[in-house]
Amino acid sequence: MLLPIGRSATTLAQIGAPLDATHGERASVYLTNSLTGWEPPKGPKANLPLFPELEQERDAAEHVKRDVPLLVVLGNPPYNAFSGTSPEEEQGLVEPYKDGLIKKWGY
């Protein structure tokens, strides 16, 4: 099963998008948390020796977040009022999405 990121690259290839993988071109779609990573880390980055592709994906996404002008950023709000996985950096960012969930949906 392809992840949405893989599907988007496959779809672009199917419609003839001029991306040349031999020259490092790729669809500018990244596997990342859109709420974090906009500021440089305060400490060293985690090494992911078993998953070098994920480490490269993280670094590429951070480069885009910090150094490349963005036209559009798409993402989903949390589906639950609180999933228990949000770091402190995200707490205030998701509050507007959670507003009214308890009254309306009982979460």
Protein backbone atom coordinates (compact mmCIF):
# COMPACT_ATOMS: atom_id res chain seq x y z
CA MET A 1 0.00 0.00 0.00
CA LEU A 2 1.35 3.40 -0.94
CA LEU A 3 1.28 6.20 1.57
CA PRO A 4 -0.40 9.42 0.39
CA ILE A 5 3.07 10.86 -0.23
CA GLY A 6 3.91 7.96 -2.54
CA ARG A 7 0.55 8.29 -4.24
CA SER A 8 1.10 11.97 -4.95
CA ALA A 9 4.49 11.27 -6.56
CA THR A 10 3.00 8.41 -8.57
CA THR A 11 0.10 10.59 -9.71
CA LEU A 12 2.46 13.35 -10.79
CA ALA A 13 4.49 10.84 -12.79
CA GLN A 14 1.32 9.47 -14.42
CA ILE A 15 0.22 12.91 -15.60
CA GLY A 16 3.65 13.61 -17.04
CA ALA A 17 5.09 16.01 -14.46
CA PRO A 18 8.68 16.70 -15.54
CA LEU A 19 10.43 15.35 -12.43
CA ASP A 20 13.85 13.79 -12.97
CA ALA A 21 14.80 11.50 -10.08
CA THR A 22 18.32 11.08 -11.52
CA HIS A 23 18.89 14.77 -10.76
CA GLY A 24 17.29 14.63 -7.32
CA GLU A 25 13.95 16.13 -8.37
CA ARG A 26 10.92 14.97 -6.41
CA ALA A 27 7.41 16.06 -5.60
CA SER A 28 7.58 18.67 -2.86
CA VAL A 29 5.36 16.64 -0.56
CA TYR A 30 6.94 15.70 2.77
CA LEU A 31 6.13 13.33 5.60
CA THR A 32 6.24 15.77 8.52
CA ASN A 33 4.38 17.24 11.46
CA SER A 34 3.14 20.55 10.08
CA LEU A 35 2.86 22.08 13.58
CA THR A 36 6.49 21.64 14.63
CA GLY A 37 9.96 22.03 13.17
CA TRP A 38 9.65 25.65 12.08
CA GLU A 39 12.36 26.78 14.49
CA PRO A 40 15.84 25.23 14.71
CA PRO A 41 16.09 22.52 17.39
CA LYS A 42 17.42 23.53 20.79
CA GLY A 43 19.58 20.41 21.01
CA PRO A 44 21.02 17.82 18.68
CA LYS A 45 18.67 16.09 16.27
CA ALA A 46 17.84 12.45 16.91
CA ASN A 47 19.81 10.03 14.75
CA LEU A 48 17.74 7.36 13.06
CA PRO A 49 20.36 4.79 11.97
CA LEU A 50 17.76 2.12 11.16
CA PHE A 51 15.70 4.54 9.08
CA PRO A 52 18.04 6.82 7.11
CA GLU A 53 15.22 7.65 4.67
CA LEU A 54 13.10 9.07 7.50
CA GLU A 55 16.06 11.11 8.70
CA GLN A 56 16.53 12.50 5.18
CA GLU A 57 12.79 13.21 4.92
CA ARG A 58 12.86 15.07 8.26
CA ASP A 59 15.85 17.15 7.20
CA ALA A 60 14.30 17.96 3.80
CA ALA A 61 11.00 18.97 5.44
CA GLU A 62 12.82 21.18 7.96
CA HIS A 63 14.73 22.86 5.13
CA VAL A 64 11.45 23.66 3.38
CA LYS A 65 9.82 24.89 6.60
CA ARG A 66 12.72 27.21 7.44
CA ASP A 67 14.24 28.28 4.13
CA VAL A 68 11.73 27.97 1.27
CA PRO A 69 8.78 30.30 0.67
CA LEU A 70 5.57 28.28 0.96
CA LEU A 71 2.52 28.72 -1.21
CA VAL A 72 0.18 26.23 0.54
CA VAL A 73 0.35 23.98 3.60
CA LEU A 74 -2.39 21.38 4.01
CA GLY A 75 -3.09 19.33 7.10
CA ASN A 76 -5.75 17.74 9.22
CA PRO A 77 -6.76 18.99 12.64
CA PRO A 78 -6.64 16.39 15.41
CA TYR A 79 -9.59 14.03 15.24
CA ASN A 80 -9.90 13.78 19.03
CA ALA A 81 -9.95 16.64 21.50
CA PHE A 82 -6.73 15.22 22.96
CA SER A 83 -4.77 12.29 21.61
CA GLY A 84 -2.08 12.38 24.30
CA THR A 85 0.77 12.65 21.79
CA SER A 86 1.09 16.41 21.30
CA PRO A 87 4.32 17.95 22.61
CA GLU A 88 4.20 21.23 24.50
CA GLU A 89 4.99 23.19 21.32
CA GLU A 90 1.66 22.07 19.80
CA GLN A 91 -0.64 22.67 22.76
CA GLY A 92 -1.71 26.22 21.88
CA LEU A 93 -1.79 25.56 18.13
CA VAL A 94 -4.51 22.89 18.28
CA GLU A 95 -6.81 24.70 20.74
CA PRO A 96 -8.91 26.39 18.00
CA TYR A 97 -9.63 22.96 16.48
CA LYS A 98 -10.69 21.51 19.83
CA ASP A 99 -13.07 24.37 20.64
CA GLY A 100 -16.58 23.00 20.99
CA LEU A 101 -15.70 19.33 20.49
CA ILE A 102 -16.77 18.33 23.99
CA LYS A 103 -20.15 20.08 23.72
CA LYS A 104 -20.88 18.89 20.21
CA TRP A 105 -19.34 15.42 20.07
CA GLY A 106 -18.67 14.45 23.71
CA TYR A 107 -14.89 14.13 23.39
